[in-house]
Amino acid sequence: MLNPGTTRSIADVVANDLCVGCGLCEAVTHGRVTMTMTDAGSLRPSPLTAMTAAEDRVLAAACPGVVAPVRVDPGGVELAESVDPVWGASRSMVMAWAGEPEVRFKAATGGVLTALGRHLLSAGDVAFVLHVGPDPDAPTRSRFVLSESPDEVLANTGSRYGPTAPLAGLGQALDRGEPFAVIAKPCDLGAVHAHAAVDSRVEELCRYRLAMVCGGQSRLTKTLGVIDGFGLTETEVTLMRYRGHGNPGLTRVESRSGAAHELTYLDMWADESGWDLETRCKLCPDALGECADIAAADAWPGGAPTGEDDGFNAIVVRTGAGERLVGDAAAAGRLVLGERVTADQLNDFQPHQVRKKVALAARYQGMADAGVPPIHAPDLRRHLDELGATLDPEARDAQRTGTARRFQAIQEAGHR
C-alpha cells in the first residue's frame, strides 16, 4: 500500500468528501463549529473558519477521514499472525440476544447493544450512555443523547440509517466528569480512541465502547427518497423507524395525517447501489469495530434476511472489559449467549464487509493516484495488503481507476 501522506486540515477532509460527520469538530470547538446538514444530505462541520489552528491539528489527528486506529486491548490481545485479516483481534465470537423479550423485539437485530447499555446503567457501572436517537422535532433525523436510565436507552433504540453525529456530545459527556459508555459506529469509536492522546479524560471516563458492525452511513437523501415515495414531505413525518419491532423489522413511516407506510428490509436495502453511502464509508478500513470493547453484527446466513425471526446478533468481544461486561450482563439476565461462531461464519453473515476489505488496497492506490491521502491505518495495513493481493488483476485495476475517477470528479466539482 502506498504511503498515505498527511492531510493538512479538516478543510481538506471536507473538500475531499472524506468527512463522515462524526461530530468531534463540534465537541473540540465547544460548539463554535456545528454539524450542519448540507444540500447533499450530509452532516458537515460549519463554519470551518471558526476553528483555531490548534483545534484543527487536534482534530486532524483523530478525524475518521484521516486516520483509523486500532485499540490494542490493555489486557494483552495484540495484533498477531493468528488475528483474522478481516475481523481482527478478538477474545471470543458468539451469538447473543437481549434477555428481555421487549428489548429483543423493539431493538435492532437481537437488541444486544441496547441490552448492554441498559445493564451498565442498572448495575451502576456508568452514569449515562452517549448514543443517538431520533430527533423529536425532526423524526427523519438523528441527534446525540445522554441516556441516564435503562428506559431512556430503550426509548432511543433502533438503527438510524442516516447522518449521525454522536461525538458532538463527547464534550458534554467528558465535562460531566462521570463514567460513561458510548454506543456508536466504528469510525466514531476510532475518533474517540485517537482523541484520548490529547484528552486524558477519555481513558479515565469512557469506560465502555460498543459498536454496531457498520454497512456504511447513508446520506439523508436516502431517507428523503423513501418518504417521497410515500408522497410525504419531511415536515409531515411523525415517526421514522428503520429497524426493530421484529428482526429485521419493517421500515415504518407515520405522518401527521395518521397514515402509516411500511417497507420490508429487502425492499429498503436489497440494492446496494441505492444505499447512497458517504464517500468515506466506501473506503473504511474498520467497519467492524476494532476500537470497540464489543462489536455487534447482523447474523443472516448469506448476508440477507429471508424473513422475520426472533432476533440474533453475532458479537465480537475484543477486550477484557468487553468480556467482563458480557459475562455480567448474561449473569443478570440482560443478555443471552448462544453458540460460538467462527470468522468464516461471520464472513458469510457479512459478505459485503469482506468484499470491501479485499478492495481497499486498490481503492487506496486510486486515492493516491488522484492526489488524495488515503486513510492512515498502519495497524491494519498488513491485513489490507494481504486481502488486496487476493483480488485478480482486472478487478484490482477497476477498483483503482474507479476510485481515482471518483476523487477527480470531487475535486473538479469543488473547483467550479
Protein backbone atom coordinates (compact mmCIF):
# COMPACT_ATOMS: atom_id res chain seq x y z
CA MET A 1 0.00 0.00 0.00
CA LEU A 2 1.29 3.47 -0.79
CA ASN A 3 2.38 5.89 1.90
CA PRO A 4 -0.78 7.72 2.96
CA GLY A 5 0.85 11.13 3.23
CA THR A 6 -0.59 13.76 5.51
CA THR A 7 -3.93 15.51 5.28
CA ARG A 8 -3.23 19.08 6.27
CA SER A 9 -6.54 20.19 7.73
CA ILE A 10 -10.18 19.41 8.37
CA ALA A 11 -10.92 21.67 5.42
CA ASP A 12 -9.02 19.16 3.25
CA VAL A 13 -11.11 16.33 4.64
CA VAL A 14 -14.35 18.15 3.85
CA ALA A 15 -13.16 19.25 0.41
CA ASN A 16 -12.26 15.67 -0.49
CA ASP A 17 -15.65 14.40 0.78
CA LEU A 18 -13.94 12.22 3.39
CA CYS A 19 -15.86 13.69 6.32
CA VAL A 20 -18.40 11.30 7.85
CA GLY A 21 -19.94 13.95 10.13
CA CYS A 22 -18.96 12.26 13.42
CA GLY A 23 -19.36 15.48 15.42
CA LEU A 24 -15.91 15.66 17.01
CA CYS A 25 -15.37 19.09 15.44
CA GLU A 26 -18.34 20.42 17.38
CA ALA A 27 -17.08 18.95 20.66
CA VAL A 28 -13.49 20.17 20.36
CA THR A 29 -14.50 23.70 19.36
CA HIS A 30 -17.10 23.91 22.15
CA GLY A 31 -19.88 24.48 19.64
CA ARG A 32 -18.28 27.30 17.65
CA VAL A 33 -18.29 24.84 14.76
CA THR A 34 -21.56 22.93 14.49
CA MET A 35 -22.65 19.93 12.47
CA THR A 36 -24.83 21.28 9.68
CA MET A 37 -26.88 19.38 7.11
CA THR A 38 -25.79 20.06 3.55
CA ASP A 39 -27.94 20.06 0.43
CA ALA A 40 -26.33 16.70 -0.43
CA GLY A 41 -27.76 15.19 2.76
CA SER A 42 -24.58 15.01 4.82
CA LEU A 43 -23.59 16.47 8.18
CA ARG A 44 -20.53 18.68 7.86
CA PRO A 45 -18.71 21.00 10.31
CA SER A 46 -19.51 24.66 9.74
CA PRO A 47 -18.12 27.28 9.68
CA LEU A 48 -14.61 25.90 9.35
CA THR A 49 -13.25 29.41 9.82
CA ALA A 50 -14.38 29.30 13.47
CA MET A 51 -11.78 26.61 14.16
CA THR A 52 -8.40 27.66 15.55
CA ALA A 53 -5.17 26.29 14.11
CA ALA A 54 -4.55 24.35 17.32
CA GLU A 55 -8.03 22.82 17.22
CA ASP A 56 -7.52 21.92 13.57
CA ARG A 57 -4.35 19.99 14.44
CA VAL A 58 -6.08 18.17 17.30
CA LEU A 59 -9.00 17.24 15.08
CA ALA A 60 -6.91 16.12 12.12
CA ALA A 61 -5.05 13.73 14.44
CA ALA A 62 -8.32 11.95 15.31
CA CYS A 63 -10.58 12.55 12.29
CA PRO A 64 -12.00 9.37 10.68
CA GLY A 65 -11.30 10.96 7.29
CA VAL A 66 -7.60 10.96 8.17
CA VAL A 67 -6.88 8.04 10.50
CA ALA A 68 -8.34 4.69 11.52
CA PRO A 69 -6.51 3.43 14.62
CA VAL A 70 -6.74 0.03 16.24
CA ARG A 71 -7.13 -0.04 20.01
CA VAL A 72 -4.93 -2.76 21.47
CA ASP A 73 -6.60 -4.46 24.41
CA PRO A 74 -4.96 -3.33 27.66
CA GLY A 75 -5.40 -6.96 28.74
CA GLY A 76 -2.92 -8.05 26.10
CA VAL A 77 -4.67 -9.11 22.87
CA GLU A 78 -2.16 -7.87 20.32
CA LEU A 79 -2.20 -7.82 16.54
CA ALA A 80 -0.53 -11.11 15.59
CA GLU A 81 -0.24 -13.64 12.80
CA SER A 82 -3.23 -15.51 14.22
CA VAL A 83 -5.52 -12.48 14.08
CA ASP A 84 -8.19 -12.83 11.41
CA PRO A 85 -7.35 -10.49 8.49
CA VAL A 86 -10.98 -9.41 8.13
CA TRP A 87 -12.31 -9.41 11.70
CA GLY A 88 -9.16 -8.51 13.61
CA ALA A 89 -8.27 -9.43 17.18
CA SER A 90 -10.86 -10.92 19.47
CA ARG A 91 -11.28 -12.79 22.72
CA SER A 92 -14.45 -14.55 21.61
CA MET A 93 -17.11 -14.58 18.91
CA VAL A 94 -20.56 -15.75 19.92
CA MET A 95 -24.24 -15.48 19.10
CA ALA A 96 -26.20 -13.36 21.57
CA TRP A 97 -29.51 -11.57 22.08
CA ALA A 98 -31.28 -9.43 24.66
CA GLY A 99 -32.62 -11.34 27.65
CA GLU A 100 -35.68 -9.12 27.98
CA PRO A 101 -38.30 -10.01 25.33
CA GLU A 102 -39.39 -6.37 24.94
CA VAL A 103 -35.84 -5.24 24.24
CA ARG A 104 -35.21 -8.10 21.83
CA PHE A 105 -38.38 -7.22 19.93
CA LYS A 106 -38.09 -3.42 19.86
CA ALA A 107 -34.35 -3.03 19.31
CA ALA A 108 -32.46 -3.72 16.09
CA THR A 109 -31.41 -7.32 15.36
CA GLY A 110 -31.16 -9.12 18.71
CA GLY A 111 -31.02 -5.98 20.83
CA VAL A 112 -27.53 -6.69 22.20
CA LEU A 113 -26.26 -3.11 22.29
CA THR A 114 -29.47 -1.85 23.89
CA ALA A 115 -29.32 -4.67 26.44
CA LEU A 116 -25.71 -3.86 27.33
CA GLY A 117 -26.42 -0.15 27.71
CA ARG A 118 -29.36 -0.92 29.97
CA HIS A 119 -27.28 -3.32 32.05
CA LEU A 120 -24.47 -0.81 32.58
CA LEU A 121 -26.95 1.76 33.92
CA SER A 122 -28.86 -0.73 36.05
CA ALA A 123 -25.64 -2.03 37.60
CA GLY A 124 -24.33 1.47 38.26
CA ASP A 125 -21.21 0.83 36.17
CA VAL A 126 -21.75 4.09 34.29
CA ALA A 127 -23.70 7.27 34.93
CA PHE A 128 -25.00 7.58 31.37
CA VAL A 129 -24.72 6.27 27.83
CA LEU A 130 -23.77 8.52 24.91
CA HIS A 131 -25.56 7.31 21.78
CA VAL A 132 -28.03 8.55 19.17
CA GLY A 133 -31.78 8.56 18.75
CA PRO A 134 -34.48 10.21 16.64
CA ASP A 135 -34.75 13.97 16.83
CA PRO A 136 -38.19 14.61 18.36
CA ASP A 137 -38.53 17.76 16.26
CA ALA A 138 -37.48 16.02 13.03
CA PRO A 139 -38.05 12.24 13.26
CA THR A 140 -36.25 11.53 9.98
CA ARG A 141 -33.06 12.91 11.53
CA SER A 142 -30.92 11.87 14.50
CA ARG A 143 -29.23 13.63 17.37
CA PHE A 144 -26.94 12.55 20.19
CA VAL A 145 -28.46 11.73 23.57
CA LEU A 146 -27.06 11.14 27.04
CA SER A 147 -29.32 8.42 28.42
CA GLU A 148 -29.28 8.18 32.22
CA SER A 149 -31.74 5.31 32.72
CA PRO A 150 -32.45 1.94 31.12
CA ASP A 151 -35.79 3.27 29.89
CA GLU A 152 -34.09 6.16 28.12
CA VAL A 153 -31.76 3.74 26.36
CA LEU A 154 -34.75 1.74 25.14
CA ALA A 155 -36.57 4.89 24.03
CA ASN A 156 -33.64 5.71 21.74
CA THR A 157 -33.10 2.20 20.42
CA GLY A 158 -33.04 1.06 16.81
CA SER A 159 -30.70 1.58 13.88
CA ARG A 160 -30.59 5.12 12.50
CA TYR A 161 -29.79 4.87 8.80
CA GLY A 162 -28.71 8.39 8.05
CA PRO A 163 -26.31 11.10 9.17
CA THR A 164 -25.46 10.87 12.87
CA ALA A 165 -23.01 12.92 14.94
CA PRO A 166 -22.68 11.16 18.30
CA LEU A 167 -19.36 12.83 19.08
CA ALA A 168 -20.99 16.25 19.07
CA GLY A 169 -21.92 15.15 22.60
CA LEU A 170 -18.45 13.99 23.62
CA GLY A 171 -17.50 17.34 25.15
CA GLN A 172 -20.64 17.39 27.29
CA ALA A 173 -20.01 13.79 28.31
CA LEU A 174 -16.43 14.46 29.38
CA ASP A 175 -17.30 17.71 31.14
CA ARG A 176 -19.66 15.84 33.46
CA GLY A 177 -16.69 14.05 34.98
CA GLU A 178 -18.65 10.80 35.39
CA PRO A 179 -18.03 7.34 33.94
CA PHE A 180 -19.97 6.66 30.76
CA ALA A 181 -20.35 4.28 27.83
CA VAL A 182 -20.56 5.07 24.12
CA ILE A 183 -22.65 3.19 21.56
CA ALA A 184 -21.62 4.37 18.10
CA LYS A 185 -20.28 3.47 14.68
CA PRO A 186 -16.76 2.01 14.44
CA CYS A 187 -15.38 5.20 12.87
CA ASP A 188 -16.77 7.25 15.76
CA LEU A 189 -15.05 4.98 18.28
CA GLY A 190 -11.81 5.25 16.33
CA ALA A 191 -12.01 9.02 16.73
CA VAL A 192 -12.69 8.64 20.47
CA HIS A 193 -9.64 6.41 20.83
CA ALA A 194 -7.37 8.74 18.87
CA HIS A 195 -8.64 11.78 20.77
CA ALA A 196 -7.55 10.15 24.04
CA ALA A 197 -3.98 11.07 23.08
CA VAL A 198 -4.72 14.74 23.79
CA ASP A 199 -7.52 14.47 26.36
CA SER A 200 -6.71 12.19 29.30
CA ARG A 201 -10.35 12.27 30.42
CA VAL A 202 -11.27 9.90 27.59
CA GLU A 203 -9.46 6.89 29.06
CA GLU A 204 -10.49 7.85 32.58
CA LEU A 205 -14.22 8.31 31.95
CA CYS A 206 -15.19 6.46 28.76
CA ARG A 207 -15.38 3.03 30.38
CA TYR A 208 -17.13 1.04 27.65
CA ARG A 209 -17.13 1.39 23.86
CA LEU A 210 -19.77 -0.54 21.99
CA ALA A 211 -20.07 -0.65 18.21
CA MET A 212 -22.52 -1.87 15.62
CA VAL A 213 -20.79 -3.54 12.68
CA CYS A 214 -21.48 -0.90 10.07
CA GLY A 215 -22.51 -1.28 6.45
CA GLY A 216 -21.98 2.43 5.90
CA GLN A 217 -23.77 5.66 6.69
CA SER A 218 -26.44 6.69 4.20
CA ARG A 219 -26.94 10.32 3.36
CA LEU A 220 -30.25 11.90 4.30
CA THR A 221 -31.19 11.76 0.62
CA LYS A 222 -31.84 8.01 1.04
CA THR A 223 -34.46 8.69 3.72
CA LEU A 224 -35.97 11.59 1.80
CA GLY A 225 -36.32 9.36 -1.24
CA VAL A 226 -38.22 6.80 0.81
CA ILE A 227 -40.70 9.28 2.25
CA ASP A 228 -41.10 10.96 -1.13
CA GLY A 229 -42.09 7.56 -2.49
CA PHE A 230 -44.93 7.60 0.03
CA GLY A 231 -45.99 11.05 -1.14
CA LEU A 232 -44.75 12.76 2.03
CA THR A 233 -42.52 15.70 2.82
CA GLU A 234 -40.12 15.65 5.75
CA THR A 235 -42.24 18.04 7.82
CA GLU A 236 -45.23 15.67 7.58
CA VAL A 237 -43.37 12.74 9.17
CA THR A 238 -44.02 11.99 12.86
CA LEU A 239 -42.15 8.66 13.08
CA MET A 240 -39.32 7.13 11.08
CA ARG A 241 -38.29 3.64 12.22
CA TYR A 242 -35.76 1.83 10.10
CA ARG A 243 -35.36 -1.40 12.09
CA GLY A 244 -36.72 -3.15 15.14
CA HIS A 245 -40.18 -4.29 16.25
CA GLY A 246 -39.08 -7.63 14.88
CA ASN A 247 -35.93 -8.77 13.13
CA PRO A 248 -35.15 -7.22 10.79
CA GLY A 249 -38.47 -5.45 11.26
CA LEU A 250 -40.26 -3.19 8.82
CA THR A 251 -39.20 0.31 7.91
CA ARG A 252 -42.18 2.31 9.12
CA VAL A 253 -43.14 5.91 8.41
CA GLU A 254 -46.05 7.63 10.13
CA SER A 255 -47.43 11.01 9.13
CA ARG A 256 -49.39 13.82 10.75
CA SER A 257 -52.50 12.68 8.88
CA GLY A 258 -52.41 9.41 10.81
CA ALA A 259 -51.38 7.35 7.79
CA ALA A 260 -48.67 4.69 8.14
CA HIS A 261 -46.42 3.27 5.43
CA GLU A 262 -44.09 0.26 5.60
CA LEU A 263 -41.30 -1.36 3.59
CA THR A 264 -39.63 -4.70 4.17
CA TYR A 265 -35.91 -4.74 4.86
CA LEU A 266 -35.16 -6.14 1.41
CA ASP A 267 -37.35 -3.54 -0.28
CA MET A 268 -35.40 -0.87 1.59
CA TRP A 269 -31.86 -2.22 1.30
CA ALA A 270 -31.56 -5.04 -1.24
CA ASP A 271 -29.99 -2.82 -3.94
CA GLU A 272 -26.58 -1.84 -2.54
CA SER A 273 -26.12 0.75 -5.31
CA GLY A 274 -29.06 2.67 -3.83
CA TRP A 275 -27.76 2.92 -0.26
CA ASP A 276 -26.40 6.43 -1.04
CA LEU A 277 -23.40 5.98 1.25
CA GLU A 278 -20.93 8.62 2.31
CA THR A 279 -17.72 8.51 0.27
CA ARG A 280 -15.65 7.79 3.37
CA CYS A 281 -17.74 4.69 4.12
CA LYS A 282 -16.69 3.12 0.84
CA LEU A 283 -13.09 3.49 1.99
CA CYS A 284 -13.48 2.44 5.62
CA PRO A 285 -10.68 0.15 6.84
CA ASP A 286 -12.54 -0.65 10.06
CA ALA A 287 -16.28 -1.06 9.78
CA LEU A 288 -16.02 -3.96 12.23
CA GLY A 289 -15.28 -2.10 15.46
CA GLU A 290 -11.62 -2.78 16.18
CA CYS A 291 -11.65 0.15 18.61
CA ALA A 292 -14.64 -1.27 20.47
CA ASP A 293 -14.85 -3.49 23.53
CA ILE A 294 -17.71 -5.31 21.82
CA ALA A 295 -18.96 -5.16 18.23
CA ALA A 296 -22.43 -6.48 17.35
CA ALA A 297 -23.36 -7.64 13.86
CA ASP A 298 -26.38 -8.84 11.93
CA ALA A 299 -26.20 -12.61 11.60
CA TRP A 300 -28.04 -13.70 8.46
CA PRO A 301 -26.51 -16.62 6.55
CA GLY A 302 -25.69 -15.37 3.09
CA GLY A 303 -25.82 -11.75 4.24
CA ALA A 304 -29.55 -11.03 3.96
CA PRO A 305 -32.70 -12.00 5.83
CA THR A 306 -35.13 -14.49 4.34
CA GLY A 307 -37.93 -13.47 6.69
CA GLU A 308 -38.62 -12.31 10.23
CA ASP A 309 -37.09 -14.09 13.24
CA ASP A 310 -36.76 -13.54 16.98
CA GLY A 311 -33.54 -11.57 16.63
CA PHE A 312 -29.93 -12.72 16.89
CA ASN A 313 -26.64 -10.83 16.96
CA ALA A 314 -23.18 -12.20 16.34
CA ILE A 315 -20.87 -10.39 18.74
CA VAL A 316 -17.11 -9.95 18.62
CA VAL A 317 -15.70 -9.45 22.12
CA ARG A 318 -12.38 -7.68 21.77
CA THR A 319 -11.19 -6.64 25.24
CA GLY A 320 -11.10 -7.78 28.80
CA ALA A 321 -13.59 -5.06 29.68
CA GLY A 322 -15.91 -6.37 26.98
CA GLU A 323 -15.52 -9.92 28.22
CA ARG A 324 -16.44 -8.91 31.77
CA LEU A 325 -19.41 -6.88 30.56
CA VAL A 326 -20.80 -9.79 28.54
CA GLY A 327 -20.41 -12.13 31.50
CA ASP A 328 -22.03 -9.72 33.94
CA ALA A 329 -24.93 -8.91 31.60
CA ALA A 330 -25.57 -12.61 30.99
CA ALA A 331 -25.49 -13.34 34.73
CA ALA A 332 -28.01 -10.54 35.30
CA GLY A 333 -30.34 -11.89 32.64
CA ARG A 334 -29.96 -8.86 30.38
CA LEU A 335 -28.11 -10.90 27.75
CA VAL A 336 -28.45 -14.47 26.48
CA LEU A 337 -25.44 -16.20 24.95
CA GLY A 338 -25.76 -18.79 22.22
CA GLU A 339 -23.28 -20.88 20.29
CA ARG A 340 -19.76 -19.81 19.42
CA VAL A 341 -19.20 -18.59 15.87
CA THR A 342 -16.12 -18.53 13.67
CA ALA A 343 -14.61 -15.87 11.43
CA ASP A 344 -15.73 -17.92 8.42
CA GLN A 345 -19.31 -17.77 9.68
CA LEU A 346 -19.02 -14.01 10.19
CA ASN A 347 -17.73 -13.70 6.62
CA ASP A 348 -20.88 -15.50 5.47
CA PHE A 349 -23.08 -13.24 7.61
CA GLN A 350 -21.35 -10.08 6.31
CA PRO A 351 -20.11 -10.76 2.75
CA HIS A 352 -20.17 -7.07 1.76
CA GLN A 353 -17.65 -6.36 4.54
CA VAL A 354 -15.32 -8.96 3.09
CA ARG A 355 -15.71 -7.56 -0.44
CA LYS A 356 -14.89 -4.05 0.76
CA LYS A 357 -11.81 -5.08 2.74
CA VAL A 358 -10.49 -7.06 -0.22
CA ALA A 359 -10.90 -3.99 -2.45
CA LEU A 360 -9.44 -1.39 -0.09
CA ALA A 361 -5.75 -1.66 -1.03
CA ALA A 362 -6.64 -0.95 -4.67
CA ARG A 363 -9.04 1.84 -3.68
CA TYR A 364 -6.33 3.49 -1.59
CA GLN A 365 -3.97 3.34 -4.55
CA GLY A 366 -6.65 5.09 -6.57
CA MET A 367 -6.90 7.82 -3.95
CA ALA A 368 -3.16 8.35 -4.12
CA ASP A 369 -3.33 8.45 -7.94
CA ALA A 370 -5.80 11.34 -7.59
CA GLY A 371 -3.50 13.14 -5.13
CA VAL A 372 -5.71 12.41 -2.10
CA PRO A 373 -4.05 10.94 1.01
CA PRO A 374 -5.58 7.54 1.82
CA ILE A 375 -6.91 6.96 5.32
CA HIS A 376 -3.93 6.25 7.55
CA ALA A 377 -4.41 2.80 9.08
CA PRO A 378 -0.94 1.48 9.91
CA ASP A 379 -2.10 -1.30 12.24
CA LEU A 380 -4.47 -2.60 9.56
CA ARG A 381 -2.13 -2.17 6.60
CA ARG A 382 -0.66 -5.66 6.64
CA HIS A 383 -4.08 -7.27 6.53
CA LEU A 384 -5.41 -4.87 3.89
CA ASP A 385 -2.44 -5.64 1.66
CA GLU A 386 -2.84 -9.37 2.31
CA LEU A 387 -6.52 -9.26 1.37
CA GLY A 388 -5.88 -6.98 -1.58
CA ALA A 389 -3.41 -9.45 -3.03
CA THR A 390 -6.25 -11.95 -3.44
CA LEU A 391 -8.05 -9.67 -5.88
CA ASP A 392 -7.49 -10.61 -9.51
CA PRO A 393 -5.55 -8.02 -11.56
CA GLU A 394 -8.51 -6.95 -13.69
CA ALA A 395 -10.70 -6.30 -10.64
CA ARG A 396 -7.82 -4.57 -8.85
CA ASP A 397 -7.33 -2.21 -11.77
CA ALA A 398 -11.06 -1.48 -11.94
CA GLN A 399 -11.18 -0.62 -8.23
CA ARG A 400 -8.08 1.58 -8.50
CA THR A 401 -9.11 3.51 -11.61
CA GLY A 402 -12.72 3.85 -10.47
CA THR A 403 -11.64 5.36 -7.15
CA ALA A 404 -9.25 7.75 -8.86
CA ARG A 405 -12.04 8.93 -11.18
CA ARG A 406 -14.36 9.44 -8.20
CA PHE A 407 -11.90 11.74 -6.45
CA GLN A 408 -11.01 13.58 -9.61
CA ALA A 409 -14.72 14.32 -10.05
CA ILE A 410 -14.96 15.51 -6.42
CA GLN A 411 -12.01 17.83 -6.94
CA GLU A 412 -13.41 19.19 -10.22
CA ALA A 413 -16.78 19.85 -8.62
CA GLY A 414 -15.10 21.73 -5.77
CA HIS A 415 -13.20 23.97 -8.15
CA ARG A 416 -16.26 25.14 -10.07
